[in-house]
Protein backbone atom coordinates (compact mmCIF):
# COMPACT_ATOMS: atom_id res chain seq x y z
CA PHE A 1 0.22 -0.12 0.25
CA GLN A 2 1.02 3.42 -0.62
CA VAL A 3 -0.78 6.36 1.08
CA THR A 4 -0.70 10.35 0.57
CA SER A 5 1.99 12.25 2.76
CA GLY A 6 2.89 15.72 3.53
CA GLY A 7 0.82 18.79 3.87
CA GLU A 8 -2.82 19.14 5.55
CA ALA A 9 -3.13 15.31 4.98
CA ASP A 10 -0.23 14.51 7.43
CA GLU A 11 -1.13 17.47 10.17
CA LYS A 12 -5.04 16.22 10.24
CA GLY A 13 -4.23 12.65 10.09
CA GLU A 14 -6.04 12.12 6.71
CA GLN A 15 -3.80 9.74 4.97
CA GLU A 16 -5.31 8.26 1.82
CA VAL A 17 -4.84 4.85 0.22
CA LEU A 18 -3.10 5.92 -3.21
CA GLU A 19 -2.01 2.40 -4.41
CA PHE A 20 -3.91 -0.60 -3.27
CA PRO A 21 -1.75 -3.86 -4.46
CA TRP A 22 -2.76 -7.59 -4.15
CA VAL A 23 -1.38 -10.76 -5.02
CA VAL A 24 -3.61 -13.70 -4.83
CA VAL A 25 -1.89 -17.23 -3.95
CA ASP A 26 -3.89 -20.54 -4.37
CA VAL A 27 -2.28 -22.07 -0.92
CA GLU A 28 -2.92 -25.62 -2.00
CA THR A 29 -0.96 -25.14 -5.44
CA LYS A 30 1.17 -22.36 -4.05
CA GLU A 31 0.17 -20.98 -7.80
CA VAL A 32 -0.50 -16.89 -8.34
CA THR A 33 -3.88 -16.66 -9.35
CA ASP A 34 -3.98 -12.75 -9.69
CA GLU A 35 -1.42 -10.06 -9.32
CA GLN A 36 -2.58 -6.39 -9.65
CA SER A 37 -1.43 -2.73 -8.46
CA LYS A 38 -4.54 -0.28 -8.44
CA LEU A 39 -3.93 3.30 -8.15
CA VAL A 40 -6.86 5.18 -5.86
CA LYS A 41 -7.66 8.62 -6.84
CA PRO A 42 -7.68 10.52 -3.46
CA SER A 43 -10.75 12.58 -2.83
CA MET A 44 -9.87 14.51 0.71
CA HIS A 45 -6.73 15.90 -0.35
CA PRO A 46 -6.59 15.44 -4.28
CA THR A 47 -3.35 17.49 -4.47
CA LEU A 48 -0.59 15.20 -4.08
CA THR A 49 2.54 16.91 -2.32
CA PRO A 50 5.77 16.79 -3.78
CA GLU A 51 6.82 15.12 -1.15
CA CYS A 52 4.24 12.23 -1.35
CA ILE A 53 5.17 12.36 -5.65
CA SER A 54 8.93 11.93 -4.48
CA SER A 55 8.46 8.82 -1.99
CA THR A 56 5.74 7.10 -3.92
CA GLY A 57 6.92 7.89 -7.48
CA ILE A 58 3.02 8.42 -8.27
CA ALA A 59 2.37 11.40 -10.76
CA GLN A 60 -0.56 13.70 -10.25
CA GLU A 61 -1.92 12.97 -13.67
CA SER A 62 -1.91 9.40 -12.44
CA ALA A 63 -3.70 9.90 -9.62
CA ASP A 64 -6.29 11.85 -11.09
CA GLY A 65 -6.99 9.39 -13.64
CA ALA A 66 -7.46 6.69 -11.21
CA GLU A 67 -10.55 5.21 -9.70
CA GLY A 68 -11.90 5.94 -6.07
CA LEU A 69 -11.45 3.87 -3.39
CA GLN A 70 -14.90 2.02 -3.22
CA GLY A 71 -14.29 1.17 -6.55
CA VAL A 72 -11.34 -0.44 -6.36
CA VAL A 73 -12.02 -2.11 -2.80
CA GLN A 74 -15.12 -3.54 -5.10
CA GLU A 75 -12.50 -4.87 -7.64
CA PHE A 76 -10.71 -6.53 -4.99
CA ASN A 77 -13.73 -8.30 -3.33
CA ALA A 78 -14.69 -9.62 -6.85
CA VAL A 79 -11.42 -11.25 -7.36
CA LEU A 80 -11.71 -12.78 -3.68
CA TYR A 81 -15.29 -14.13 -4.69
CA ARG A 82 -14.00 -15.68 -7.92
CA SER A 83 -10.98 -17.11 -6.51
CA PHE A 84 -12.40 -18.27 -3.26
CA THR A 85 -15.97 -17.76 -2.30
CA ALA A 86 -17.70 -19.11 -5.43
CA ASN A 87 -15.31 -22.29 -4.96
CA ASN A 88 -15.82 -22.63 -1.57
CA LYS A 89 -12.38 -22.15 -0.75
CA ASP A 90 -10.86 -20.81 2.33
CA PHE A 91 -8.27 -17.61 2.24
CA CYS A 92 -6.24 -15.19 4.33
CA LEU A 93 -5.13 -11.66 3.97
CA VAL A 94 -1.33 -10.96 4.39
CA THR A 95 0.15 -7.92 4.74
CA TRP A 96 3.79 -6.06 5.39
CA GLY A 97 2.61 -5.31 8.86
CA GLU A 98 -0.35 -4.18 10.27
CA ALA A 99 -0.45 -0.41 8.75
CA PRO A 100 -2.11 -1.19 5.38
CA LEU A 101 -5.14 -2.93 6.30
CA LYS A 102 -5.80 -1.92 10.09
CA ARG A 103 -4.81 1.61 9.86
CA TRP A 104 -4.80 2.86 6.43
CA LEU A 105 -7.36 1.33 4.73
CA ARG A 106 -9.63 1.04 7.68
CA ALA A 107 -9.45 4.78 8.24
CA ASP A 108 -9.93 5.80 4.61
CA ALA A 109 -12.97 3.43 4.30
CA LYS A 110 -14.42 5.25 7.10
CA ARG A 111 -13.86 8.27 6.25
CA LYS A 112 -15.54 7.61 2.63
């Protein structure tokens, strides 16, 4: 996950998810069945700060053309449904630390 950084968003604790990546691995076969990285259009602070652009490598034009958080989460949900739920398979979510899901995604989703 990448989140917005710098300026007013940091001051107010309103970082927004800017990139939502995932890799779906079938644990039985150990095969990657889906891998994507979706940019998310920030809505509360739509103008990326120079610090954010520098640290993420994401250009303002790319963020402007991205889909909103709700659409990206719905797409991720559809992938999970097709890959697991529809086939009655178990799954778990794995991240690099707790911040992506527990802190950033949860807080951003509550605001939107």
